[in-house]
C-alpha atoms as a PDB file:
ATOM      1  CA  UNK A   1      46.963  55.317 -41.678  1.00  0.00           C
ATOM      2  CA  UNK A   2      45.594  58.769 -42.585  1.00  0.00           C
ATOM      3  CA  UNK A   3      44.483  61.603 -40.315  1.00  0.00           C
ATOM      4  CA  UNK A   4      40.938  61.060 -41.605  1.00  0.00           C
ATOM      5  CA  UNK A   5      41.070  57.601 -39.939  1.00  0.00           C
ATOM      6  CA  UNK A   6      41.546  59.224 -36.522  1.00  0.00           C
ATOM      7  CA  UNK A   7      39.576  61.195 -33.932  1.00  0.00           C
ATOM      8  CA  UNK A   8      41.499  63.526 -31.615  1.00  0.00           C
ATOM      9  CA  UNK A   9      40.476  64.220 -28.025  1.00  0.00           C
ATOM     10  CA  UNK A  10      41.905  66.814 -25.665  1.00  0.00           C
ATOM     11  CA  UNK A  11      41.484  65.812 -22.018  1.00  0.00           C
ATOM     12  CA  UNK A  12      43.211  66.640 -18.725  1.00  0.00           C
ATOM     13  CA  UNK A  13      46.445  67.997 -20.163  1.00  0.00           C
ATOM     14  CA  UNK A  14      46.752  65.326 -22.851  1.00  0.00           C
ATOM     15  CA  UNK A  15      45.818  64.677 -26.466  1.00  0.00           C
ATOM     16  CA  UNK A  16      44.629  61.195 -27.444  1.00  0.00           C
ATOM     17  CA  UNK A  17      44.168  59.774 -30.948  1.00  0.00           C
ATOM     18  CA  UNK A  18      41.575  57.055 -31.483  1.00  0.00           C
ATOM     19  CA  UNK A  19      40.759  54.994 -34.564  1.00  0.00           C
ATOM     20  CA  UNK A  20      37.600  56.568 -35.963  1.00  0.00           C
ATOM     21  CA  UNK A  21      35.702  53.321 -36.556  1.00  0.00           C
ATOM     22  CA  UNK A  22      36.830  51.176 -33.604  1.00  0.00           C
ATOM     23  CA  UNK A  23      37.673  53.653 -30.825  1.00  0.00           C
ATOM     24  CA  UNK A  24      41.010  51.886 -30.309  1.00  0.00           C
ATOM     25  CA  UNK A  25      43.688  54.194 -28.920  1.00  0.00           C
ATOM     26  CA  UNK A  26      46.528  54.859 -31.366  1.00  0.00           C
ATOM     27  CA  UNK A  27      48.615  57.229 -29.237  1.00  0.00           C
ATOM     28  CA  UNK A  28      48.436  59.585 -26.245  1.00  0.00           C
ATOM     29  CA  UNK A  29      50.672  62.584 -25.602  1.00  0.00           C
ATOM     30  CA  UNK A  30      50.780  64.411 -22.283  1.00  0.00           C
ATOM     31  CA  UNK A  31      51.229  68.154 -22.808  1.00  0.00           C
ATOM     32  CA  UNK A  32      51.197  69.899 -19.444  1.00  0.00           C
ATOM     33  CA  UNK A  33      49.276  69.874 -16.175  1.00  0.00           C
ATOM     34  CA  UNK A  34      45.756  68.485 -15.975  1.00  0.00           C
ATOM     35  CA  UNK A  35      43.844  71.306 -17.628  1.00  0.00           C
ATOM     36  CA  UNK A  36      41.320  71.639 -20.454  1.00  0.00           C
ATOM     37  CA  UNK A  37      42.875  70.984 -23.895  1.00  0.00           C
ATOM     38  CA  UNK A  38      41.588  72.581 -27.081  1.00  0.00           C
ATOM     39  CA  UNK A  39      42.622  70.792 -30.325  1.00  0.00           C
ATOM     40  CA  UNK A  40      42.457  71.687 -34.026  1.00  0.00           C
ATOM     41  CA  UNK A  41      43.603  69.610 -36.987  1.00  0.00           C
ATOM     42  CA  UNK A  42      44.920  71.926 -39.711  1.00  0.00           C
ATOM     43  CA  UNK A  43      46.924  71.096 -42.835  1.00  0.00           C
ATOM     44  CA  UNK A  44      48.197  67.766 -41.505  1.00  0.00           C
ATOM     45  CA  UNK A  45      49.339  69.138 -38.130  1.00  0.00           C
ATOM     46  CA  UNK A  46      47.495  68.981 -34.839  1.00  0.00           C
ATOM     47  CA  UNK A  47      47.469  72.174 -32.765  1.00  0.00           C
ATOM     48  CA  UNK A  48      46.637  71.927 -29.069  1.00  0.00           C
ATOM     49  CA  UNK A  49      46.375  74.605 -26.383  1.00  0.00           C
ATOM     50  CA  UNK A  50      46.677  73.795 -22.695  1.00  0.00           C
ATOM     51  CA  UNK A  51      47.572  75.829 -19.596  1.00  0.00           C
ATOM     52  CA  UNK A  52      47.985  78.961 -21.713  1.00  0.00           C
ATOM     53  CA  UNK A  53      50.554  77.338 -24.033  1.00  0.00           C
ATOM     54  CA  UNK A  54      50.332  75.985 -27.580  1.00  0.00           C
ATOM     55  CA  UNK A  55      51.721  72.723 -28.928  1.00  0.00           C
ATOM     56  CA  UNK A  56      52.035  71.421 -32.479  1.00  0.00           C
ATOM     57  CA  UNK A  57      51.899  67.622 -32.841  1.00  0.00           C
ATOM     58  CA  UNK A  58      52.271  65.121 -35.640  1.00  0.00           C
ATOM     59  CA  UNK A  59      48.693  63.779 -35.903  1.00  0.00           C
ATOM     60  CA  UNK A  60      49.797  60.267 -36.874  1.00  0.00           C
ATOM     61  CA  UNK A  61      52.299  59.756 -34.033  1.00  0.00           C
ATOM     62  CA  UNK A  62      51.570  62.379 -31.364  1.00  0.00           C
ATOM     63  CA  UNK A  63      55.219  63.478 -31.524  1.00  0.00           C
ATOM     64  CA  UNK A  64      55.775  67.123 -30.636  1.00  0.00           C
ATOM     65  CA  UNK A  65      56.842  69.270 -33.584  1.00  0.00           C
ATOM     66  CA  UNK A  66      57.068  72.573 -31.693  1.00  0.00           C
ATOM     67  CA  UNK A  67      55.859  74.290 -28.543  1.00  0.00           C
ATOM     68  CA  UNK A  68      55.316  77.966 -27.664  1.00  0.00           C
ATOM     69  CA  UNK A  69      54.762  78.893 -23.980  1.00  0.00           C
ATOM     70  CA  UNK A  70      53.167  82.239 -25.004  1.00  0.00           C
ATOM     71  CA  UNK A  71      55.183  83.966 -22.266  1.00  0.00           C
ATOM     72  CA  UNK A  72      53.545  86.869 -20.516  1.00  0.00           C
ATOM     73  CA  UNK A  73      49.994  85.958 -21.522  1.00  0.00           C
ATOM     74  CA  UNK A  74      48.976  83.925 -18.455  1.00  0.00           C
ATOM     75  CA  UNK A  75      47.570  80.442 -18.092  1.00  0.00           C
ATOM     76  CA  UNK A  76      43.971  81.039 -19.166  1.00  0.00           C
ATOM     77  CA  UNK A  77      41.901  79.224 -21.748  1.00  0.00           C
ATOM     78  CA  UNK A  78      43.029  79.768 -25.321  1.00  0.00           C
ATOM     79  CA  UNK A  79      41.006  79.273 -28.475  1.00  0.00           C
ATOM     80  CA  UNK A  80      42.571  78.117 -31.721  1.00  0.00           C
ATOM     81  CA  UNK A  81      41.490  79.393 -35.109  1.00  0.00           C
ATOM     82  CA  UNK A  82      42.679  78.169 -38.472  1.00  0.00           C
ATOM     83  CA  UNK A  83      41.313  78.243 -41.973  1.00  0.00           C
ATOM     84  CA  UNK A  84      38.346  75.854 -42.309  1.00  0.00           C
ATOM     85  CA  UNK A  85      38.068  75.332 -38.534  1.00  0.00           C
ATOM     86  CA  UNK A  86      34.535  74.517 -37.439  1.00  0.00           C
ATOM     87  CA  UNK A  87      32.905  76.627 -34.725  1.00  0.00           C
ATOM     88  CA  UNK A  88      32.553  73.637 -32.389  1.00  0.00           C
ATOM     89  CA  UNK A  89      35.904  74.399 -30.740  1.00  0.00           C
ATOM     90  CA  UNK A  90      34.613  77.755 -29.569  1.00  0.00           C
ATOM     91  CA  UNK A  91      31.551  76.071 -28.073  1.00  0.00           C
ATOM     92  CA  UNK A  92      33.808  73.705 -26.093  1.00  0.00           C
ATOM     93  CA  UNK A  93      35.935  76.536 -24.740  1.00  0.00           C
ATOM     94  CA  UNK A  94      32.866  78.576 -23.776  1.00  0.00           C
ATOM     95  CA  UNK A  95      31.364  75.564 -21.982  1.00  0.00           C
ATOM     96  CA  UNK A  96      34.608  75.101 -20.030  1.00  0.00           C
ATOM     97  CA  UNK A  97      34.661  78.804 -19.128  1.00  0.00           C
ATOM     98  CA  UNK A  98      31.066  78.603 -17.849  1.00  0.00           C
ATOM     99  CA  UNK A  99      31.982  75.532 -15.773  1.00  0.00           C
ATOM    100  CA  UNK A 100      34.971  77.302 -14.233  1.00  0.00           C
ATOM    101  CA  UNK A 101      32.952  80.459 -13.571  1.00  0.00           C
ATOM    102  CA  UNK A 102      30.309  78.345 -11.834  1.00  0.00           C
ATOM    103  CA  UNK A 103      32.922  76.633  -9.665  1.00  0.00           C
ATOM    104  CA  UNK A 104      34.408  80.011  -8.715  1.00  0.00           C
ATOM    105  CA  UNK A 105      30.974  81.402  -7.821  1.00  0.00           C
ATOM    106  CA  UNK A 106      30.176  78.322  -5.718  1.00  0.00           C
ATOM    107  CA  UNK A 107      33.505  78.586  -3.894  1.00  0.00           C
ATOM    108  CA  UNK A 108      32.935  82.289  -3.214  1.00  0.00           C
ATOM    109  CA  UNK A 109      29.435  81.595  -1.890  1.00  0.00           C
ATOM    110  CA  UNK A 110      30.727  78.798   0.365  1.00  0.00           C
ATOM    111  CA  UNK A 111      33.416  81.112   1.761  1.00  0.00           C
ATOM    112  CA  UNK A 112      30.842  83.673   2.927  1.00  0.00           C
END
């Protein structure tokens, strides 16, 4: 199997690999918590950010290659940039930020 045969999804603290043409799950790796996950495939490694930390996974197996907790930077949303990365990742992160901002505004309004 090749990485081009797979689609990678970041969801609720996990990364899932599906077969591109059937949708069949190949593997799932839980990273941390149940937060938004941003993923980028770059040079045969899969980078994922979740809960303010970054993970590097083998895209064919989901096995962790390395992890960096980015100590001292908080738990906020992180964007990933790599050479030849499409701008769609930024759109996903911005949509998640808008959703969270809306939830915070609704909670503040309900509290008053």
